[in-house]
Amino acid sequence: MTDAPNLYGMPDEIQVRADGPLRIITLNRPDALNAVNDPLHTGLARLWPRLSEDREVRAAVLTGAGKAFSAGGDFTYLDEIRRDPELRARTIAHGRDLVLGMTRCRVPVVAAVNGPAVGLGCSLVALSDIVYMAESAYLADPHVQVGLVAADGGPLTWPLHTSLLLAKEYALTGARIPAERAVAMGLANHAVADPSAEAMACAKRIAGLPRQAVESTKRLLNMHLERAVLATLDYATTAEEQSFQTEDFRATLARLTARDD
């Protein structure tokens, strides 16, 4: 295995390394539970086209360093977005790029959800192609709880994976979805003891299959996803940008920040 933490010019917050025809993508802020900051968010927006352009790649595994897959948005980063119009506009644009980039990525992405996948972490899971979750892991999309519209979150993709009623319940309440429940709902494929090992084995199986058949089949399936995303994405991003400027979001973020202090 080649140690290439900065493959594709990624920031330190995203490690990409090669294992033959596989790429292992690791969200790498373990001390912050891989919470999303600007370099991580920007890197994710740029990653997927670069992965698609790498003709040596046949499959990828996406996971998190340490105890979490991703704990969602870093509170400091969220406050910076609220205060800075230029950062807010760039972040919203990057969110759009991330969603479309994953949707259109030619490379099958197998998620190894090693711990909590919250907010954007939950979105990355929903946009992956096959999902293995640790038995103790959970999904959650708390955008609404903090006063935000989830432009790149559950409401965008969950209705294709599960019922509209269940998508509404978990998007509106932000409740946690334990691994076994996620599998039962169709938001994950398997709840396992070792998601990294299982995801690697799955990715290696896919990498050994005929390339054109794999990539065209993924593209065929994701055409359904892309149509749904394009039908809602512009409204969602506009609504999310507006929600960053509301008093509800400001007050909620102040309360959460004070609680963490």
Protein backbone atom coordinates (compact mmCIF):
# COMPACT_ATOMS: atom_id res chain seq x y z
CA MET A 1 0.00 0.00 0.00
CA THR A 2 1.35 3.40 -0.98
CA ASP A 3 1.37 6.11 1.67
CA ALA A 4 0.09 9.15 -0.27
CA PRO A 5 -1.83 11.36 2.18
CA ASN A 6 -1.92 14.32 -0.19
CA LEU A 7 -2.95 12.48 -3.36
CA TYR A 8 -4.98 14.77 -5.67
CA GLY A 9 -3.63 17.81 -3.79
CA MET A 10 -6.03 17.33 -0.89
CA PRO A 11 -5.60 19.29 2.37
CA ASP A 12 -4.34 17.53 5.48
CA GLU A 13 -7.98 17.14 6.59
CA ILE A 14 -8.51 14.57 3.82
CA GLN A 15 -6.07 11.73 3.33
CA VAL A 16 -6.20 9.88 0.02
CA ARG A 17 -3.90 6.93 -0.46
CA ALA A 18 -3.56 4.27 -3.13
CA ASP A 19 -3.94 0.53 -2.67
CA GLY A 20 -3.52 -0.80 -6.18
CA PRO A 21 -6.70 0.10 -8.11
CA LEU A 22 -8.38 1.29 -4.89
CA ARG A 23 -8.29 4.71 -3.27
CA ILE A 24 -8.76 4.94 0.49
CA ILE A 25 -10.29 8.31 1.40
CA THR A 26 -10.12 9.22 5.09
CA LEU A 27 -11.68 12.26 6.74
CA ASN A 28 -8.80 13.31 8.94
CA ARG A 29 -9.66 15.58 11.88
CA PRO A 30 -9.83 12.84 14.52
CA ASP A 31 -9.33 15.19 17.48
CA ALA A 32 -12.45 17.09 16.33
CA LEU A 33 -14.37 13.89 15.46
CA ASN A 34 -13.82 14.80 11.81
CA ALA A 35 -16.13 17.80 12.13
CA VAL A 36 -16.22 19.77 8.89
CA ASN A 37 -14.18 22.97 8.61
CA ASP A 38 -13.45 25.04 5.51
CA PRO A 39 -10.43 23.05 4.23
CA LEU A 40 -12.31 19.77 4.67
CA HIS A 41 -15.44 21.08 2.96
CA THR A 42 -13.45 22.65 0.11
CA GLY A 43 -11.42 19.48 -0.32
CA LEU A 44 -14.53 17.32 -0.54
CA ALA A 45 -15.97 19.60 -3.23
CA ARG A 46 -12.82 19.16 -5.32
CA LEU A 47 -12.15 15.49 -4.61
CA TRP A 48 -14.75 13.68 -6.70
CA PRO A 49 -13.88 15.07 -10.15
CA ARG A 50 -10.22 14.33 -9.47
CA LEU A 51 -11.07 10.80 -8.40
CA SER A 52 -13.06 10.32 -11.61
CA GLU A 53 -10.15 11.60 -13.71
CA ASP A 54 -7.72 9.07 -12.21
CA ARG A 55 -7.97 6.24 -14.74
CA GLU A 56 -6.07 3.84 -12.49
CA VAL A 57 -8.92 3.80 -9.95
CA ARG A 58 -11.55 1.06 -10.01
CA ALA A 59 -13.21 1.64 -6.61
CA ALA A 60 -12.85 3.78 -3.47
CA VAL A 61 -13.43 3.36 0.25
CA LEU A 62 -14.57 6.39 2.28
CA THR A 63 -14.12 6.42 6.06
CA GLY A 64 -13.18 8.58 9.04
CA ALA A 65 -10.07 8.66 11.22
CA GLY A 66 -10.51 7.89 14.90
CA LYS A 67 -13.85 7.32 16.62
CA ALA A 68 -16.22 9.09 14.23
CA PHE A 69 -17.03 9.09 10.54
CA SER A 70 -17.88 12.81 10.85
CA ALA A 71 -19.56 14.75 13.64
CA GLY A 72 -21.02 17.32 11.24
CA GLY A 73 -20.20 21.01 10.98
CA ASP A 74 -17.56 22.54 13.24
CA PHE A 75 -19.32 25.23 15.30
CA THR A 76 -16.54 27.75 14.73
CA TYR A 77 -16.78 27.20 10.99
CA LEU A 78 -20.57 27.55 11.07
CA ASP A 79 -20.25 30.86 12.88
CA GLU A 80 -17.71 32.07 10.33
CA ILE A 81 -20.15 31.19 7.55
CA ARG A 82 -22.88 33.13 9.32
CA ARG A 83 -20.70 36.23 9.67
CA ASP A 84 -18.86 36.24 6.33
CA PRO A 85 -20.98 36.63 3.15
CA GLU A 86 -18.11 35.63 0.84
CA LEU A 87 -17.35 32.48 2.82
CA ARG A 88 -21.07 31.71 2.94
CA ALA A 89 -21.43 32.00 -0.84
CA ARG A 90 -18.33 29.90 -1.43
CA THR A 91 -19.46 27.25 1.04
CA ILE A 92 -22.91 26.99 -0.55
CA ALA A 93 -21.29 26.66 -3.99
CA HIS A 94 -18.93 23.98 -2.69
CA GLY A 95 -21.86 22.11 -1.18
CA ARG A 96 -23.51 22.04 -4.60
CA ASP A 97 -20.26 20.87 -6.20
CA LEU A 98 -19.87 18.13 -3.59
CA VAL A 99 -23.36 16.72 -4.16
CA LEU A 100 -23.10 16.75 -7.95
CA GLY A 101 -19.51 15.53 -7.84
CA MET A 102 -20.41 12.44 -5.84
CA THR A 103 -23.55 11.85 -7.88
CA ARG A 104 -21.58 11.94 -11.16
CA CYS A 105 -18.39 10.25 -9.94
CA ARG A 106 -17.59 7.29 -12.20
CA VAL A 107 -15.83 5.41 -9.38
CA PRO A 108 -17.95 3.21 -7.07
CA VAL A 109 -17.63 4.57 -3.50
CA VAL A 110 -18.00 2.17 -0.57
CA ALA A 111 -18.55 3.89 2.77
CA ALA A 112 -17.04 2.39 5.92
CA VAL A 113 -19.00 4.20 8.63
CA ASN A 114 -16.78 3.62 11.64
CA GLY A 115 -18.71 5.88 14.03
CA PRO A 116 -21.31 8.66 14.11
CA ALA A 117 -22.13 10.18 10.71
CA VAL A 118 -23.82 13.50 11.41
CA GLY A 119 -24.76 16.41 9.15
CA LEU A 120 -22.44 16.43 6.16
CA GLY A 121 -21.11 13.06 7.30
CA CYS A 122 -24.63 11.71 6.96
CA SER A 123 -24.85 13.27 3.50
CA LEU A 124 -21.62 11.57 2.39
CA VAL A 125 -23.10 8.24 3.45
CA ALA A 126 -26.30 8.92 1.52
CA LEU A 127 -24.31 9.78 -1.62
CA SER A 128 -22.09 6.69 -1.43
CA ASP A 129 -22.85 3.60 -3.48
CA ILE A 130 -22.60 0.86 -0.83
CA VAL A 131 -22.61 1.46 2.93
CA TYR A 132 -21.18 -0.67 5.75
CA MET A 133 -21.89 0.70 9.24
CA ALA A 134 -20.32 -0.26 12.54
CA GLU A 135 -22.94 -1.83 14.77
CA SER A 136 -22.51 1.03 17.26
CA ALA A 137 -22.60 3.80 14.62
CA TYR A 138 -25.55 6.00 13.77
CA LEU A 139 -26.72 8.54 11.21
CA ALA A 140 -28.27 11.91 12.03
CA ASP A 141 -29.12 15.05 10.09
CA PRO A 142 -29.57 17.85 12.65
CA HIS A 143 -29.71 20.75 10.19
CA VAL A 144 -33.26 21.71 11.16
CA GLN A 145 -32.44 21.42 14.87
CA VAL A 146 -29.80 24.15 14.54
CA GLY A 147 -31.93 26.32 12.27
CA LEU A 148 -30.53 25.38 8.87
CA VAL A 149 -31.97 23.95 5.68
CA ALA A 150 -30.13 20.78 4.67
CA ALA A 151 -29.16 21.69 1.11
CA ASP A 152 -26.68 18.82 0.92
CA GLY A 153 -28.31 16.64 3.57
CA GLY A 154 -30.94 13.99 4.10
CA PRO A 155 -33.93 15.73 2.50
CA LEU A 156 -32.06 15.87 -0.82
CA THR A 157 -31.41 12.14 -1.15
CA TRP A 158 -33.25 10.16 1.52
CA PRO A 159 -36.57 9.98 -0.40
CA LEU A 160 -34.77 7.81 -2.97
CA HIS A 161 -33.49 5.42 -0.28
CA THR A 162 -36.47 5.17 2.06
CA SER A 163 -40.11 6.21 2.34
CA LEU A 164 -41.03 9.87 2.16
CA LEU A 165 -42.66 9.61 5.59
CA LEU A 166 -39.49 8.25 7.19
CA ALA A 167 -37.36 10.85 5.39
CA LYS A 168 -39.60 13.57 6.78
CA GLU A 169 -39.48 12.16 10.32
CA TYR A 170 -35.70 12.02 10.55
CA ALA A 171 -35.02 15.21 8.58
CA LEU A 172 -37.46 17.30 10.61
CA THR A 173 -36.54 15.91 14.04
CA GLY A 174 -32.81 15.25 13.58
CA ALA A 175 -33.21 12.02 15.56
CA ARG A 176 -30.40 9.49 15.49
CA ILE A 177 -30.77 6.46 13.24
CA PRO A 178 -28.90 3.48 14.73
CA ALA A 179 -27.07 1.18 12.32
CA GLU A 180 -29.61 -1.64 12.38
CA ARG A 181 -32.45 0.84 11.86
CA ALA A 182 -30.55 2.47 8.99
CA VAL A 183 -30.22 -0.91 7.29
CA ALA A 184 -33.91 -1.67 7.81
CA MET A 185 -34.84 1.73 6.33
CA GLY A 186 -32.60 1.33 3.30
CA LEU A 187 -30.09 4.02 4.32
CA ALA A 188 -27.27 1.50 4.70
CA ASN A 189 -26.52 -1.95 3.32
CA HIS A 190 -24.99 -3.73 6.29
CA ALA A 191 -24.35 -3.28 10.03
CA VAL A 192 -21.11 -5.11 10.81
CA ALA A 193 -18.46 -5.48 13.49
CA ASP A 194 -15.63 -4.22 11.26
CA PRO A 195 -16.91 -1.84 8.56
CA SER A 196 -13.42 -1.01 7.27
CA ALA A 197 -12.56 -4.63 6.54
CA GLU A 198 -15.95 -5.30 4.97
CA ALA A 199 -15.83 -2.15 2.85
CA MET A 200 -12.31 -2.98 1.64
CA ALA A 201 -13.36 -6.50 0.70
CA CYS A 202 -16.38 -5.15 -1.19
CA ALA A 203 -14.30 -2.51 -3.01
CA LYS A 204 -11.75 -5.16 -4.03
CA ARG A 205 -14.53 -7.35 -5.42
CA ILE A 206 -15.87 -4.44 -7.47
CA ALA A 207 -12.36 -3.52 -8.65
CA GLY A 208 -11.97 -7.04 -10.05
CA LEU A 209 -15.10 -6.82 -12.21
CA PRO A 210 -15.22 -5.61 -15.84
CA ARG A 211 -14.65 -1.86 -15.72
CA GLN A 212 -17.06 -0.67 -18.41
CA ALA A 213 -19.89 -2.77 -17.03
CA VAL A 214 -19.31 -1.50 -13.48
CA GLU A 215 -19.00 2.18 -14.39
CA SER A 216 -21.91 2.22 -16.83
CA THR A 217 -24.15 0.37 -14.39
CA LYS A 218 -23.32 2.86 -11.65
CA ARG A 219 -24.01 5.71 -14.05
CA LEU A 220 -27.33 4.16 -15.09
CA LEU A 221 -28.43 3.84 -11.46
CA ASN A 222 -27.23 7.30 -10.50
CA MET A 223 -29.19 8.91 -13.33
CA HIS A 224 -32.22 8.48 -11.06
CA LEU A 225 -30.35 10.17 -8.23
CA GLU A 226 -29.06 13.00 -10.41
CA ARG A 227 -32.52 13.82 -11.74
CA ALA A 228 -33.88 14.04 -8.20
CA VAL A 229 -30.94 16.14 -7.02
CA LEU A 230 -31.17 18.59 -9.92
CA ALA A 231 -34.90 19.02 -9.33
CA THR A 232 -34.34 20.24 -5.76
CA LEU A 233 -30.74 21.46 -5.42
CA ASP A 234 -31.11 25.07 -6.50
CA TYR A 235 -34.04 25.65 -4.16
CA ALA A 236 -32.22 23.86 -1.35
CA THR A 237 -29.00 25.88 -1.66
CA THR A 238 -30.88 29.19 -1.80
CA ALA A 239 -32.90 28.24 1.26
CA GLU A 240 -29.81 27.13 3.17
CA GLU A 241 -27.99 30.39 2.41
CA GLN A 242 -31.00 32.30 3.77
CA SER A 243 -31.16 30.13 6.89
CA PHE A 244 -27.55 30.98 7.79
CA GLN A 245 -28.73 34.59 8.20
CA THR A 246 -31.73 33.97 10.45
CA GLU A 247 -31.98 34.89 14.12
CA ASP A 248 -33.01 31.30 14.89
CA PHE A 249 -29.67 29.99 13.62
CA ARG A 250 -27.66 32.69 15.38
CA ALA A 251 -29.36 32.01 18.71
CA THR A 252 -29.11 28.23 18.41
CA LEU A 253 -25.44 28.34 17.47
CA ALA A 254 -24.68 30.68 20.39
CA ARG A 255 -26.43 28.28 22.77
CA LEU A 256 -24.60 25.22 21.42
CA THR A 257 -21.25 26.99 21.52
CA ALA A 258 -21.81 28.09 25.11
CA ARG A 259 -22.75 24.55 26.08
CA ASP A 260 -19.55 23.15 24.58
CA ASP A 261 -17.47 25.77 26.43
